[in-house]
Amino acid sequence: MAKTKISTLNLRIDPSIKEAVREAASREHRSVANMVEVLIRRHCDQSGITIPEQADLFPGNKHG
C-alpha cells in the first residue's frame, strides 16, 4: 500500500454536532475522522470544488 501524507485538523465544534458526527460514523462503520473527511468530500463534490489527488500535489513522490 502506498504511503500518503496526512495533515492534522484541529477544530472546536458544538457538542451536539460532535455527537451527530459520532452517530453518523457509527452507522456507516467509520471512524469520526473518516466520517468528517467523507462529509467534506461530499460537500466539495456537490459544490463543484475539486480535491486534487495527493500524487498531483506531490509529484516527486513515487509510491506503489
Protein backbone atom coordinates (compact mmCIF):
# COMPACT_ATOMS: atom_id res chain seq x y z
CA MET A 1 0.00 0.00 0.00
CA ALA A 2 1.32 3.44 -0.89
CA LYS A 3 2.11 5.81 1.94
CA THR A 4 0.12 9.03 1.96
CA LYS A 5 0.80 12.33 3.63
CA ILE A 6 -1.69 13.10 6.37
CA SER A 7 -2.46 16.55 7.74
CA THR A 8 -3.96 17.25 11.15
CA LEU A 9 -7.01 19.47 11.51
CA ASN A 10 -7.89 20.70 14.99
CA LEU A 11 -11.24 22.39 15.41
CA ARG A 12 -13.74 23.40 18.02
CA ILE A 13 -17.28 22.23 17.42
CA ASP A 14 -20.62 22.36 19.20
CA PRO A 15 -21.01 19.22 21.35
CA SER A 16 -24.33 18.34 19.72
CA ILE A 17 -22.74 18.41 16.25
CA LYS A 18 -19.86 16.28 17.50
CA GLU A 19 -22.34 13.71 18.82
CA ALA A 20 -24.21 13.75 15.50
CA VAL A 21 -20.95 13.07 13.63
CA ARG A 22 -20.19 10.23 16.05
CA GLU A 23 -23.62 8.74 15.36
CA ALA A 24 -23.24 9.12 11.59
CA ALA A 25 -19.80 7.50 11.75
CA SER A 26 -21.12 4.62 13.82
CA ARG A 27 -23.99 3.98 11.41
CA GLU A 28 -21.55 3.77 8.48
CA HIS A 29 -18.93 1.79 10.46
CA ARG A 30 -16.38 4.59 10.08
CA SER A 31 -14.09 6.46 12.42
CA VAL A 32 -15.09 10.02 13.27
CA ALA A 33 -12.07 11.32 11.31
CA ASN A 34 -13.03 9.30 8.25
CA MET A 35 -16.66 10.44 8.53
CA VAL A 36 -15.57 14.09 8.63
CA GLU A 37 -13.42 13.51 5.53
CA VAL A 38 -16.33 11.84 3.73
CA LEU A 39 -18.66 14.71 4.61
CA ILE A 40 -16.14 17.28 3.36
CA ARG A 41 -15.61 15.33 0.13
CA ARG A 42 -19.40 15.07 -0.43
CA HIS A 43 -19.84 18.79 0.16
CA CYS A 44 -16.99 19.69 -2.20
CA ASP A 45 -18.36 17.35 -4.86
CA GLN A 46 -21.83 18.89 -4.59
CA SER A 47 -20.34 22.39 -4.68
CA GLY A 48 -18.10 21.77 -7.68
CA ILE A 49 -14.90 22.04 -5.66
CA THR A 50 -12.15 19.79 -6.99
CA ILE A 51 -9.96 17.99 -4.49
CA PRO A 52 -6.65 17.09 -6.17
CA GLU A 53 -5.16 13.66 -5.61
CA GLN A 54 -2.04 13.56 -3.43
CA ALA A 55 0.02 12.40 -6.43
CA ASP A 56 -0.89 15.70 -8.11
CA LEU A 57 0.14 17.67 -5.02
CA PHE A 58 3.42 15.82 -4.51
CA PRO A 59 4.61 14.78 -7.99
CA GLY A 60 8.10 13.89 -6.69
CA ASN A 61 6.69 11.08 -4.50
CA LYS A 62 6.58 7.81 -6.38
CA HIS A 63 4.84 5.12 -4.34
CA GLY A 64 3.35 1.87 -5.50
